[in-house]
PDB file of N, CA and C in Angstrom:
ATOM      1  N   MET A   1      72.053 -42.723  25.185  1.00  0.00           N
ATOM      2  CA  MET A   1      71.561 -42.803  23.824  1.00  0.00           C
ATOM      3  C   MET A   1      71.428 -41.388  23.258  1.00  0.00           C
ATOM      4  N   ILE A   2      71.715 -41.263  21.985  1.00  0.00           N
ATOM      5  CA  ILE A   2      71.593 -39.972  21.312  1.00  0.00           C
ATOM      6  C   ILE A   2      70.178 -39.855  20.741  1.00  0.00           C
ATOM      7  N   ASN A   3      69.556 -38.699  20.950  1.00  0.00           N
ATOM      8  CA  ASN A   3      68.201 -38.455  20.458  1.00  0.00           C
ATOM      9  C   ASN A   3      68.119 -37.111  19.765  1.00  0.00           C
ATOM     10  N   LEU A   4      67.201 -37.030  18.816  1.00  0.00           N
ATOM     11  CA  LEU A   4      66.870 -35.766  18.173  1.00  0.00           C
ATOM     12  C   LEU A   4      65.535 -35.319  18.729  1.00  0.00           C
ATOM     13  N   LEU A   5      65.530 -34.182  19.393  1.00  0.00           N
ATOM     14  CA  LEU A   5      64.311 -33.605  19.942  1.00  0.00           C
ATOM     15  C   LEU A   5      63.813 -32.562  18.949  1.00  0.00           C
ATOM     16  N   ILE A   6      62.567 -32.705  18.526  1.00  0.00           N
ATOM     17  CA  ILE A   6      61.953 -31.762  17.595  1.00  0.00           C
ATOM     18  C   ILE A   6      60.723 -31.177  18.264  1.00  0.00           C
ATOM     19  N   LEU A   7      60.642 -29.859  18.235  1.00  0.00           N
ATOM     20  CA  LEU A   7      59.542 -29.147  18.860  1.00  0.00           C
ATOM     21  C   LEU A   7      59.074 -28.047  17.918  1.00  0.00           C
ATOM     22  N   VAL A   8      57.781 -27.965  17.687  1.00  0.00           N
ATOM     23  CA  VAL A   8      57.197 -26.881  16.895  1.00  0.00           C
ATOM     24  C   VAL A   8      56.201 -26.157  17.783  1.00  0.00           C
ATOM     25  N   VAL A   9      56.392 -24.851  17.934  1.00  0.00           N
ATOM     26  CA  VAL A   9      55.458 -24.034  18.713  1.00  0.00           C
ATOM     27  C   VAL A   9      54.955 -22.887  17.854  1.00  0.00           C
ATOM     28  N   PRO A  10      53.660 -22.580  17.933  1.00  0.00           N
ATOM     29  CA  PRO A  10      53.096 -21.507  17.118  1.00  0.00           C
ATOM     30  C   PRO A  10      53.184 -20.125  17.763  1.00  0.00           C
ATOM     31  N   ASP A  11      53.806 -20.022  18.910  1.00  0.00           N
ATOM     32  CA  ASP A  11      53.831 -18.781  19.672  1.00  0.00           C
ATOM     33  C   ASP A  11      55.280 -18.357  19.897  1.00  0.00           C
ATOM     34  N   ASP A  12      55.683 -17.215  19.326  1.00  0.00           N
ATOM     35  CA  ASP A  12      57.064 -16.739  19.465  1.00  0.00           C
ATOM     36  C   ASP A  12      57.476 -16.543  20.917  1.00  0.00           C
ATOM     37  N   ALA A  13      56.573 -16.036  21.744  1.00  0.00           N
ATOM     38  CA  ALA A  13      56.907 -15.789  23.146  1.00  0.00           C
ATOM     39  C   ALA A  13      57.219 -17.105  23.856  1.00  0.00           C
ATOM     40  N   LYS A  14      56.425 -18.119  23.601  1.00  0.00           N
ATOM     41  CA  LYS A  14      56.694 -19.422  24.208  1.00  0.00           C
ATOM     42  C   LYS A  14      57.993 -20.003  23.672  1.00  0.00           C
ATOM     43  N   GLY A  15      58.242 -19.805  22.394  1.00  0.00           N
ATOM     44  CA  GLY A  15      59.489 -20.290  21.807  1.00  0.00           C
ATOM     45  C   GLY A  15      60.701 -19.666  22.462  1.00  0.00           C
ATOM     46  N   GLU A  16      60.651 -18.389  22.724  1.00  0.00           N
ATOM     47  CA  GLU A  16      61.764 -17.703  23.384  1.00  0.00           C
ATOM     48  C   GLU A  16      61.951 -18.224  24.810  1.00  0.00           C
ATOM     49  N   GLU A  17      60.854 -18.438  25.510  1.00  0.00           N
ATOM     50  CA  GLU A  17      60.954 -18.958  26.878  1.00  0.00           C
ATOM     51  C   GLU A  17      61.529 -20.371  26.898  1.00  0.00           C
ATOM     52  N   ILE A  18      61.122 -21.192  25.950  1.00  0.00           N
ATOM     53  CA  ILE A  18      61.659 -22.560  25.858  1.00  0.00           C
ATOM     54  C   ILE A  18      63.157 -22.511  25.591  1.00  0.00           C
ATOM     55  N   ARG A  19      63.580 -21.658  24.667  1.00  0.00           N
ATOM     56  CA  ARG A  19      65.006 -21.538  24.356  1.00  0.00           C
ATOM     57  C   ARG A  19      65.811 -21.165  25.606  1.00  0.00           C
ATOM     58  N   GLU A  20      65.313 -20.235  26.370  1.00  0.00           N
ATOM     59  CA  GLU A  20      66.001 -19.815  27.590  1.00  0.00           C
ATOM     60  C   GLU A  20      66.052 -20.947  28.613  1.00  0.00           C
ATOM     61  N   ARG A  21      64.946 -21.646  28.779  1.00  0.00           N
ATOM     62  CA  ARG A  21      64.904 -22.756  29.747  1.00  0.00           C
ATOM     63  C   ARG A  21      65.825 -23.896  29.322  1.00  0.00           C
ATOM     64  N   TRP A  22      65.826 -24.193  28.015  1.00  0.00           N
ATOM     65  CA  TRP A  22      66.694 -25.274  27.538  1.00  0.00           C
ATOM     66  C   TRP A  22      68.158 -24.937  27.788  1.00  0.00           C
ATOM     67  N   ARG A  23      68.530 -23.700  27.555  1.00  0.00           N
ATOM     68  CA  ARG A  23      69.920 -23.296  27.811  1.00  0.00           C
ATOM     69  C   ARG A  23      70.251 -23.511  29.292  1.00  0.00           C
ATOM     70  N   ALA A  24      69.358 -23.097  30.182  1.00  0.00           N
ATOM     71  CA  ALA A  24      69.573 -23.268  31.619  1.00  0.00           C
ATOM     72  C   ALA A  24      69.581 -24.736  32.030  1.00  0.00           C
ATOM     73  N   SER A  25      68.889 -25.582  31.268  1.00  0.00           N
ATOM     74  CA  SER A  25      68.810 -27.012  31.590  1.00  0.00           C
ATOM     75  C   SER A  25      69.961 -27.819  31.014  1.00  0.00           C
ATOM     76  N   GLY A  26      70.862 -27.164  30.298  1.00  0.00           N
ATOM     77  CA  GLY A  26      72.037 -27.870  29.796  1.00  0.00           C
ATOM     78  C   GLY A  26      71.949 -28.344  28.354  1.00  0.00           C
ATOM     79  N   VAL A  27      70.917 -27.929  27.628  1.00  0.00           N
ATOM     80  CA  VAL A  27      70.845 -28.275  26.208  1.00  0.00           C
ATOM     81  C   VAL A  27      71.933 -27.461  25.511  1.00  0.00           C
ATOM     82  N   LYS A  28      72.855 -28.155  24.843  1.00  0.00           N
ATOM     83  CA  LYS A  28      74.052 -27.496  24.315  1.00  0.00           C
ATOM     84  C   LYS A  28      73.830 -26.765  23.006  1.00  0.00           C
ATOM     85  N   GLY A  29      72.951 -27.240  22.172  1.00  0.00           N
ATOM     86  CA  GLY A  29      72.751 -26.592  20.889  1.00  0.00           C
ATOM     87  C   GLY A  29      71.345 -26.793  20.370  1.00  0.00           C
ATOM     88  N   VAL A  30      70.798 -25.755  19.797  1.00  0.00           N
ATOM     89  CA  VAL A  30      69.449 -25.811  19.239  1.00  0.00           C
ATOM     90  C   VAL A  30      69.463 -25.063  17.912  1.00  0.00           C
ATOM     91  N   THR A  31      68.897 -25.674  16.893  1.00  0.00           N
ATOM     92  CA  THR A  31      68.673 -24.984  15.632  1.00  0.00           C
ATOM     93  C   THR A  31      67.214 -24.570  15.611  1.00  0.00           C
ATOM     94  N   ILE A  32      66.962 -23.315  15.312  1.00  0.00           N
ATOM     95  CA  ILE A  32      65.594 -22.780  15.328  1.00  0.00           C
ATOM     96  C   ILE A  32      65.274 -22.243  13.940  1.00  0.00           C
ATOM     97  N   LEU A  33      64.180 -22.743  13.389  1.00  0.00           N
ATOM     98  CA  LEU A  33      63.735 -22.309  12.070  1.00  0.00           C
ATOM     99  C   LEU A  33      62.353 -21.685  12.158  1.00  0.00           C
ATOM    100  N   ALA A  34      62.101 -20.669  11.346  1.00  0.00           N
ATOM    101  CA  ALA A  34      60.741 -20.147  11.187  1.00  0.00           C
ATOM    102  C   ALA A  34      60.015 -21.124  10.277  1.00  0.00           C
ATOM    103  N   SER A  35      58.789 -21.463  10.616  1.00  0.00           N
ATOM    104  CA  SER A  35      58.029 -22.428   9.822  1.00  0.00           C
ATOM    105  C   SER A  35      56.555 -22.074   9.891  1.00  0.00           C
ATOM    106  N   ALA A  36      55.787 -22.698   9.017  1.00  0.00           N
ATOM    107  CA  ALA A  36      54.346 -22.479   9.011  1.00  0.00           C
ATOM    108  C   ALA A  36      53.671 -23.810   8.740  1.00  0.00           C
ATOM    109  N   GLY A  37      52.595 -24.094   9.456  1.00  0.00           N
ATOM    110  CA  GLY A  37      51.869 -25.338   9.282  1.00  0.00           C
ATOM    111  C   GLY A  37      51.003 -25.327   8.034  1.00  0.00           C
ATOM    112  N   MET A  38      50.747 -26.499   7.511  1.00  0.00           N
ATOM    113  CA  MET A  38      49.936 -26.642   6.306  1.00  0.00           C
ATOM    114  C   MET A  38      48.529 -26.094   6.513  1.00  0.00           C
ATOM    115  N   GLY A  39      47.979 -26.290   7.686  1.00  0.00           N
ATOM    116  CA  GLY A  39      46.637 -25.796   7.970  1.00  0.00           C
ATOM    117  C   GLY A  39      46.521 -24.290   7.842  1.00  0.00           C
ATOM    118  N   HIS A  40      47.606 -23.593   8.144  1.00  0.00           N
ATOM    119  CA  HIS A  40      47.612 -22.139   8.033  1.00  0.00           C
ATOM    120  C   HIS A  40      47.840 -21.679   6.593  1.00  0.00           C
ATOM    121  N   GLN A  41      48.285 -22.577   5.742  1.00  0.00           N
ATOM    122  CA  GLN A  41      48.570 -22.238   4.353  1.00  0.00           C
ATOM    123  C   GLN A  41      47.387 -22.479   3.432  1.00  0.00           C
ATOM    124  N   GLU A  42      46.429 -23.302   3.855  1.00  0.00           N
ATOM    125  CA  GLU A  42      45.295 -23.631   2.995  1.00  0.00           C
ATOM    126  C   GLU A  42      44.506 -22.381   2.652  1.00  0.00           C
ATOM    127  N   GLY A  43      44.097 -22.284   1.419  1.00  0.00           N
ATOM    128  CA  GLY A  43      43.321 -21.147   0.971  1.00  0.00           C
ATOM    129  C   GLY A  43      44.157 -19.979   0.520  1.00  0.00           C
ATOM    130  N   LYS A  44      45.466 -20.088   0.670  1.00  0.00           N
ATOM    131  CA  LYS A  44      46.340 -19.023   0.197  1.00  0.00           C
ATOM    132  C   LYS A  44      46.887 -19.444  -1.151  1.00  0.00           C
ATOM    133  N   GLY A  45      46.505 -18.760  -2.182  1.00  0.00           N
ATOM    134  CA  GLY A  45      46.949 -19.092  -3.523  1.00  0.00           C
ATOM    135  C   GLY A  45      48.395 -18.701  -3.737  1.00  0.00           C
ATOM    136  N   ALA A  46      48.878 -18.955  -4.924  1.00  0.00           N
ATOM    137  CA  ALA A  46      50.241 -18.581  -5.269  1.00  0.00           C
ATOM    138  C   ALA A  46      50.362 -17.062  -5.255  1.00  0.00           C
ATOM    139  N   ARG A  47      51.470 -16.571  -4.796  1.00  0.00           N
ATOM    140  CA  ARG A  47      51.690 -15.127  -4.743  1.00  0.00           C
ATOM    141  C   ARG A  47      52.118 -14.633  -6.116  1.00  0.00           C
ATOM    142  N   ASP A  48      51.621 -13.475  -6.504  1.00  0.00           N
ATOM    143  CA  ASP A  48      51.989 -12.907  -7.794  1.00  0.00           C
ATOM    144  C   ASP A  48      52.950 -11.733  -7.646  1.00  0.00           C
ATOM    145  N   ASP A  49      53.414 -11.483  -6.410  1.00  0.00           N
ATOM    146  CA  ASP A  49      54.316 -10.356  -6.185  1.00  0.00           C
ATOM    147  C   ASP A  49      55.731 -10.801  -5.844  1.00  0.00           C
ATOM    148  N   VAL A  50      56.080 -12.040  -6.192  1.00  0.00           N
ATOM    149  CA  VAL A  50      57.399 -12.572  -5.875  1.00  0.00           C
ATOM    150  C   VAL A  50      58.406 -12.043  -6.892  1.00  0.00           C
ATOM    151  N   PRO A  51      59.524 -11.461  -6.438  1.00  0.00           N
ATOM    152  CA  PRO A  51      60.525 -10.957  -7.368  1.00  0.00           C
ATOM    153  C   PRO A  51      61.219 -12.088  -8.126  1.00  0.00           C
ATOM    154  N   LEU A  52      61.931 -11.739  -9.172  1.00  0.00           N
ATOM    155  CA  LEU A  52      62.613 -12.731  -9.993  1.00  0.00           C
ATOM    156  C   LEU A  52      63.611 -13.543  -9.186  1.00  0.00           C
ATOM    157  N   LEU A  53      64.374 -12.904  -8.315  1.00  0.00           N
ATOM    158  CA  LEU A  53      65.334 -13.587  -7.448  1.00  0.00           C
ATOM    159  C   LEU A  53      64.975 -13.282  -5.995  1.00  0.00           C
ATOM    160  N   PRO A  54      63.992 -13.987  -5.457  1.00  0.00           N
ATOM    161  CA  PRO A  54      63.533 -13.662  -4.098  1.00  0.00           C
ATOM    162  C   PRO A  54      64.468 -14.212  -3.028  1.00  0.00           C
ATOM    163  N   SER A  55      64.457 -13.552  -1.882  1.00  0.00           N
ATOM    164  CA  SER A  55      65.109 -14.132  -0.715  1.00  0.00           C
ATOM    165  C   SER A  55      64.095 -15.060  -0.071  1.00  0.00           C
ATOM    166  N   ILE A  56      64.563 -15.950   0.756  1.00  0.00           N
ATOM    167  CA  ILE A  56      63.635 -16.867   1.428  1.00  0.00           C
ATOM    168  C   ILE A  56      62.653 -16.075   2.285  1.00  0.00           C
ATOM    169  N   ARG A  57      63.128 -15.061   2.981  1.00  0.00           N
ATOM    170  CA  ARG A  57      62.257 -14.257   3.843  1.00  0.00           C
ATOM    171  C   ARG A  57      61.151 -13.585   3.024  1.00  0.00           C
ATOM    172  N   SER A  58      61.482 -13.134   1.808  1.00  0.00           N
ATOM    173  CA  SER A  58      60.479 -12.429   1.004  1.00  0.00           C
ATOM    174  C   SER A  58      59.396 -13.356   0.473  1.00  0.00           C
ATOM    175  N   LEU A  59      59.640 -14.656   0.508  1.00  0.00           N
ATOM    176  CA  LEU A  59      58.626 -15.597   0.028  1.00  0.00           C
ATOM    177  C   LEU A  59      57.464 -15.733   1.000  1.00  0.00           C
ATOM    178  N   PHE A  60      57.676 -15.347   2.254  1.00  0.00           N
ATOM    179  CA  PHE A  60      56.632 -15.464   3.250  1.00  0.00           C
ATOM    180  C   PHE A  60      55.841 -14.165   3.324  1.00  0.00           C
ATOM    181  N   ALA A  61      54.536 -14.277   3.278  1.00  0.00           N
ATOM    182  CA  ALA A  61      53.684 -13.094   3.381  1.00  0.00           C
ATOM    183  C   ALA A  61      53.806 -12.512   4.783  1.00  0.00           C
ATOM    184  N   PRO A  62      53.737 -11.185   4.948  1.00  0.00           N
ATOM    185  CA  PRO A  62      53.883 -10.593   6.267  1.00  0.00           C
ATOM    186  C   PRO A  62      52.802 -11.010   7.249  1.00  0.00           C
ATOM    187  N   ASP A  63      51.614 -11.369   6.757  1.00  0.00           N
ATOM    188  CA  ASP A  63      50.536 -11.747   7.665  1.00  0.00           C
ATOM    189  C   ASP A  63      50.497 -13.252   7.922  1.00  0.00           C
ATOM    190  N   GLU A  64      51.492 -13.965   7.435  1.00  0.00           N
ATOM    191  CA  GLU A  64      51.519 -15.408   7.605  1.00  0.00           C
ATOM    192  C   GLU A  64      51.790 -15.769   9.063  1.00  0.00           C
ATOM    193  N   VAL A  65      51.105 -16.784   9.556  1.00  0.00           N
ATOM    194  CA  VAL A  65      51.342 -17.261  10.909  1.00  0.00           C
ATOM    195  C   VAL A  65      52.693 -17.966  10.926  1.00  0.00           C
ATOM    196  N   THR A  66      53.575 -17.526  11.785  1.00  0.00           N
ATOM    197  CA  THR A  66      54.915 -18.108  11.841  1.00  0.00           C
ATOM    198  C   THR A  66      55.078 -18.910  13.119  1.00  0.00           C
ATOM    199  N   HIS A  67      55.541 -20.117  12.945  1.00  0.00           N
ATOM    200  CA  HIS A  67      55.857 -20.994  14.058  1.00  0.00           C
ATOM    201  C   HIS A  67      57.370 -21.005  14.227  1.00  0.00           C
ATOM    202  N   ARG A  68      57.814 -21.597  15.291  1.00  0.00           N
ATOM    203  CA  ARG A  68      59.238 -21.840  15.489  1.00  0.00           C
ATOM    204  C   ARG A  68      59.421 -23.345  15.603  1.00  0.00           C
ATOM    205  N   THR A  69      60.356 -23.875  14.813  1.00  0.00           N
ATOM    206  CA  THR A  69      60.685 -25.293  14.873  1.00  0.00           C
ATOM    207  C   THR A  69      62.084 -25.420  15.458  1.00  0.00           C
ATOM    208  N   PHE A  70      62.193 -26.166  16.538  1.00  0.00           N
ATOM    209  CA  PHE A  70      63.450 -26.367  17.263  1.00  0.00           C
ATOM    210  C   PHE A  70      63.957 -27.778  16.983  1.00  0.00           C
ATOM    211  N   PHE A  71      65.249 -27.893  16.691  1.00  0.00           N
ATOM    212  CA  PHE A  71      65.908 -29.179  16.526  1.00  0.00           C
ATOM    213  C   PHE A  71      67.086 -29.206  17.485  1.00  0.00           C
ATOM    214  N   SER A  72      67.191 -30.273  18.274  1.00  0.00           N
ATOM    215  CA  SER A  72      68.338 -30.398  19.154  1.00  0.00           C
ATOM    216  C   SER A  72      68.737 -31.866  19.266  1.00  0.00           C
ATOM    217  N   VAL A  73      70.011 -32.137  19.033  1.00  0.00           N
ATOM    218  CA  VAL A  73      70.554 -33.477  19.230  1.00  0.00           C
ATOM    219  C   VAL A  73      71.078 -33.520  20.660  1.00  0.00           C
ATOM    220  N   ILE A  74      70.514 -34.419  21.449  1.00  0.00           N
ATOM    221  CA  ILE A  74      70.841 -34.493  22.876  1.00  0.00           C
ATOM    222  C   ILE A  74      71.354 -35.897  23.174  1.00  0.00           C
ATOM    223  N   ASP A  75      72.546 -35.972  23.745  1.00  0.00           N
ATOM    224  CA  ASP A  75      73.164 -37.280  23.979  1.00  0.00           C
ATOM    225  C   ASP A  75      73.150 -37.710  25.444  1.00  0.00           C
ATOM    226  N   ASP A  76      72.331 -37.064  26.237  1.00  0.00           N
ATOM    227  CA  ASP A  76      72.258 -37.364  27.665  1.00  0.00           C
ATOM    228  C   ASP A  76      70.788 -37.487  28.056  1.00  0.00           C
ATOM    229  N   ASP A  77      70.405 -38.634  28.615  1.00  0.00           N
ATOM    230  CA  ASP A  77      68.995 -38.876  28.948  1.00  0.00           C
ATOM    231  C   ASP A  77      68.459 -37.893  29.990  1.00  0.00           C
ATOM    232  N   ALA A  78      69.296 -37.491  30.941  1.00  0.00           N
ATOM    233  CA  ALA A  78      68.837 -36.546  31.970  1.00  0.00           C
ATOM    234  C   ALA A  78      68.559 -35.177  31.350  1.00  0.00           C
ATOM    235  N   THR A  79      69.432 -34.732  30.451  1.00  0.00           N
ATOM    236  CA  THR A  79      69.208 -33.451  29.773  1.00  0.00           C
ATOM    237  C   THR A  79      67.963 -33.512  28.911  1.00  0.00           C
ATOM    238  N   LEU A  80      67.770 -34.630  28.218  1.00  0.00           N
ATOM    239  CA  LEU A  80      66.568 -34.806  27.401  1.00  0.00           C
ATOM    240  C   LEU A  80      65.313 -34.727  28.266  1.00  0.00           C
ATOM    241  N   ALA A  81      65.326 -35.385  29.408  1.00  0.00           N
ATOM    242  CA  ALA A  81      64.160 -35.365  30.303  1.00  0.00           C
ATOM    243  C   ALA A  81      63.865 -33.938  30.776  1.00  0.00           C
ATOM    244  N   ARG A  82      64.910 -33.176  31.107  1.00  0.00           N
ATOM    245  CA  ARG A  82      64.711 -31.781  31.531  1.00  0.00           C
ATOM    246  C   ARG A  82      64.152 -30.944  30.387  1.00  0.00           C
ATOM    247  N   ALA A  83      64.665 -31.137  29.166  1.00  0.00           N
ATOM    248  CA  ALA A  83      64.195 -30.370  28.010  1.00  0.00           C
ATOM    249  C   ALA A  83      62.727 -30.671  27.718  1.00  0.00           C
ATOM    250  N   LEU A  84      62.344 -31.927  27.804  1.00  0.00           N
ATOM    251  CA  LEU A  84      60.938 -32.302  27.591  1.00  0.00           C
ATOM    252  C   LEU A  84      60.044 -31.665  28.651  1.00  0.00           C
ATOM    253  N   ALA A  85      60.476 -31.737  29.904  1.00  0.00           N
ATOM    254  CA  ALA A  85      59.692 -31.149  31.001  1.00  0.00           C
ATOM    255  C   ALA A  85      59.591 -29.630  30.854  1.00  0.00           C
ATOM    256  N   ASP A  86      60.691 -28.996  30.443  1.00  0.00           N
ATOM    257  CA  ASP A  86      60.672 -27.539  30.227  1.00  0.00           C
ATOM    258  C   ASP A  86      59.649 -27.165  29.161  1.00  0.00           C
ATOM    259  N   ALA A  87      59.677 -27.879  28.034  1.00  0.00           N
ATOM    260  CA  ALA A  87      58.746 -27.574  26.938  1.00  0.00           C
ATOM    261  C   ALA A  87      57.307 -27.778  27.384  1.00  0.00           C
ATOM    262  N   GLU A  88      57.050 -28.861  28.092  1.00  0.00           N
ATOM    263  CA  GLU A  88      55.679 -29.123  28.556  1.00  0.00           C
ATOM    264  C   GLU A  88      55.218 -28.082  29.561  1.00  0.00           C
ATOM    265  N   SER A  89      56.130 -27.605  30.412  1.00  0.00           N
ATOM    266  CA  SER A  89      55.712 -26.605  31.402  1.00  0.00           C
ATOM    267  C   SER A  89      55.392 -25.266  30.734  1.00  0.00           C
ATOM    268  N   VAL A  90      56.057 -24.954  29.637  1.00  0.00           N
ATOM    269  CA  VAL A  90      55.793 -23.696  28.930  1.00  0.00           C
ATOM    270  C   VAL A  90      54.557 -23.814  28.045  1.00  0.00           C
ATOM    271  N   VAL A  91      54.479 -24.892  27.272  1.00  0.00           N
ATOM    272  CA  VAL A  91      53.382 -25.062  26.305  1.00  0.00           C
ATOM    273  C   VAL A  91      52.092 -25.465  26.989  1.00  0.00           C
ATOM    274  N   GLY A  92      52.201 -26.319  27.991  1.00  0.00           N
ATOM    275  CA  GLY A  92      51.001 -26.865  28.624  1.00  0.00           C
ATOM    276  C   GLY A  92      50.598 -28.146  27.924  1.00  0.00           C
ATOM    277  N   ASP A  93      49.333 -28.320  27.699  1.00  0.00           N
ATOM    278  CA  ASP A  93      48.787 -29.540  27.107  1.00  0.00           C
ATOM    279  C   ASP A  93      49.017 -29.544  25.598  1.00  0.00           C
ATOM    280  N   PHE A  94      49.909 -30.422  25.128  1.00  0.00           N
ATOM    281  CA  PHE A  94      50.162 -30.519  23.696  1.00  0.00           C
ATOM    282  C   PHE A  94      48.948 -31.041  22.927  1.00  0.00           C
ATOM    283  N   ASP A  95      47.977 -31.620  23.608  1.00  0.00           N
ATOM    284  CA  ASP A  95      46.769 -32.100  22.928  1.00  0.00           C
ATOM    285  C   ASP A  95      45.757 -30.984  22.686  1.00  0.00           C
ATOM    286  N   ALA A  96      45.994 -29.809  23.260  1.00  0.00           N
ATOM    287  CA  ALA A  96      45.101 -28.666  23.024  1.00  0.00           C
ATOM    288  C   ALA A  96      45.327 -28.140  21.601  1.00  0.00           C
ATOM    289  N   PRO A  97      44.289 -27.608  20.973  1.00  0.00           N
ATOM    290  CA  PRO A  97      44.437 -27.079  19.612  1.00  0.00           C
ATOM    291  C   PRO A  97      45.487 -25.969  19.544  1.00  0.00           C
ATOM    292  N   ASP A  98      46.255 -25.962  18.474  1.00  0.00           N
ATOM    293  CA  ASP A  98      47.270 -24.932  18.206  1.00  0.00           C
ATOM    294  C   ASP A  98      48.302 -24.777  19.319  1.00  0.00           C
ATOM    295  N   SER A  99      48.587 -25.874  20.033  1.00  0.00           N
ATOM    296  CA  SER A  99      49.579 -25.799  21.101  1.00  0.00           C
ATOM    297  C   SER A  99      50.977 -26.123  20.609  1.00  0.00           C
ATOM    298  N   GLY A 100      51.082 -26.902  19.556  1.00  0.00           N
ATOM    299  CA  GLY A 100      52.381 -27.306  19.036  1.00  0.00           C
ATOM    300  C   GLY A 100      52.493 -28.817  19.013  1.00  0.00           C
ATOM    301  N   ILE A 101      53.683 -29.266  18.665  1.00  0.00           N
ATOM    302  CA  ILE A 101      53.966 -30.700  18.610  1.00  0.00           C
ATOM    303  C   ILE A 101      55.411 -30.909  19.042  1.00  0.00           C
ATOM    304  N   MET A 102      55.640 -32.022  19.728  1.00  0.00           N
ATOM    305  CA  MET A 102      56.984 -32.352  20.183  1.00  0.00           C
ATOM    306  C   MET A 102      57.162 -33.851  20.035  1.00  0.00           C
ATOM    307  N   PHE A 103      58.342 -34.249  19.539  1.00  0.00           N
ATOM    308  CA  PHE A 103      58.640 -35.674  19.460  1.00  0.00           C
ATOM    309  C   PHE A 103      60.140 -35.893  19.499  1.00  0.00           C
ATOM    310  N   VAL A 104      60.514 -37.128  19.816  1.00  0.00           N
ATOM    311  CA  VAL A 104      61.911 -37.515  19.951  1.00  0.00           C
ATOM    312  C   VAL A 104      62.172 -38.672  18.996  1.00  0.00           C
ATOM    313  N   VAL A 105      63.290 -38.585  18.283  1.00  0.00           N
ATOM    314  CA  VAL A 105      63.688 -39.620  17.339  1.00  0.00           C
ATOM    315  C   VAL A 105      65.064 -40.126  17.752  1.00  0.00           C
ATOM    316  N   PRO A 106      65.231 -41.446  17.908  1.00  0.00           N
ATOM    317  CA  PRO A 106      66.564 -41.950  18.226  1.00  0.00           C
ATOM    318  C   PRO A 106      67.523 -41.735  17.054  1.00  0.00           C
ATOM    319  N   VAL A 107      68.762 -41.429  17.379  1.00  0.00           N
ATOM    320  CA  VAL A 107      69.793 -41.178  16.370  1.00  0.00           C
ATOM    321  C   VAL A 107      70.841 -42.287  16.492  1.00  0.00           C
ATOM    322  N   SER A 108      71.044 -43.022  15.413  1.00  0.00           N
ATOM    323  CA  SER A 108      72.004 -44.121  15.478  1.00  0.00           C
ATOM    324  C   SER A 108      73.445 -43.641  15.349  1.00  0.00           C
ATOM    325  N   ARG A 109      73.671 -42.552  14.639  1.00  0.00           N
ATOM    326  CA  ARG A 109      75.008 -41.976  14.502  1.00  0.00           C
ATOM    327  C   ARG A 109      74.885 -40.457  14.410  1.00  0.00           C
ATOM    328  N   ALA A 110      75.894 -39.776  14.915  1.00  0.00           N
ATOM    329  CA  ALA A 110      75.900 -38.313  14.835  1.00  0.00           C
ATOM    330  C   ALA A 110      77.333 -37.829  14.743  1.00  0.00           C
ATOM    331  N   TRP A 111      77.545 -36.804  13.946  1.00  0.00           N
ATOM    332  CA  TRP A 111      78.836 -36.163  13.809  1.00  0.00           C
ATOM    333  C   TRP A 111      78.669 -34.704  14.188  1.00  0.00           C
ATOM    334  N   GLY A 112      79.733 -34.105  14.655  1.00  0.00           N
ATOM    335  CA  GLY A 112      79.694 -32.690  14.965  1.00  0.00           C
ATOM    336  C   GLY A 112      79.196 -32.354  16.347  1.00  0.00           C
ATOM    337  N   LEU A 113      79.038 -33.352  17.198  1.00  0.00           N
ATOM    338  CA  LEU A 113      78.659 -33.058  18.586  1.00  0.00           C
ATOM    339  C   LEU A 113      79.936 -32.771  19.358  1.00  0.00           C
ATOM    340  N   HIS A 114      80.204 -31.508  19.564  1.00  0.00           N
ATOM    341  CA  HIS A 114      81.459 -31.114  20.207  1.00  0.00           C
ATOM    342  C   HIS A 114      81.333 -31.292  21.709  1.00  0.00           C
ATOM    343  N   ARG A 115      82.128 -32.161  22.235  1.00  0.00           N
ATOM    344  CA  ARG A 115      82.116 -32.415  23.681  1.00  0.00           C
ATOM    345  C   ARG A 115      83.254 -31.621  24.310  1.00  0.00           C
ATOM    346  N   ARG A 116      82.942 -30.991  25.413  1.00  0.00           N
ATOM    347  CA  ARG A 116      83.966 -30.182  26.101  1.00  0.00           C
ATOM    348  C   ARG A 116      84.169 -30.695  27.493  1.00  0.00           C
TER     349      ARG A 116
END
């Protein structure tokens, strides 16, 4: 079955370790985005220093807490199990505050999964 694994971690060091472990575990592709949780955004008003044509990077304040959001489409149950175990071993208890979130969504169809 094809699944979409989504993982958000608030710690860059843990994110880098997860990426390395996933590569070693056979995860073929991961998209990684910088993101920020809503809880970290509360109390921050609109910025008044945004240029007329801003880049996406310039929209984020330098002191903003940055998370890493990982997306990976995995079509092998064994690889998915290894990726989940890798993330849990790095993050620890996902129920702990500010540890991150991980979930899997079944994918009914997917294009662009290059099989070699």
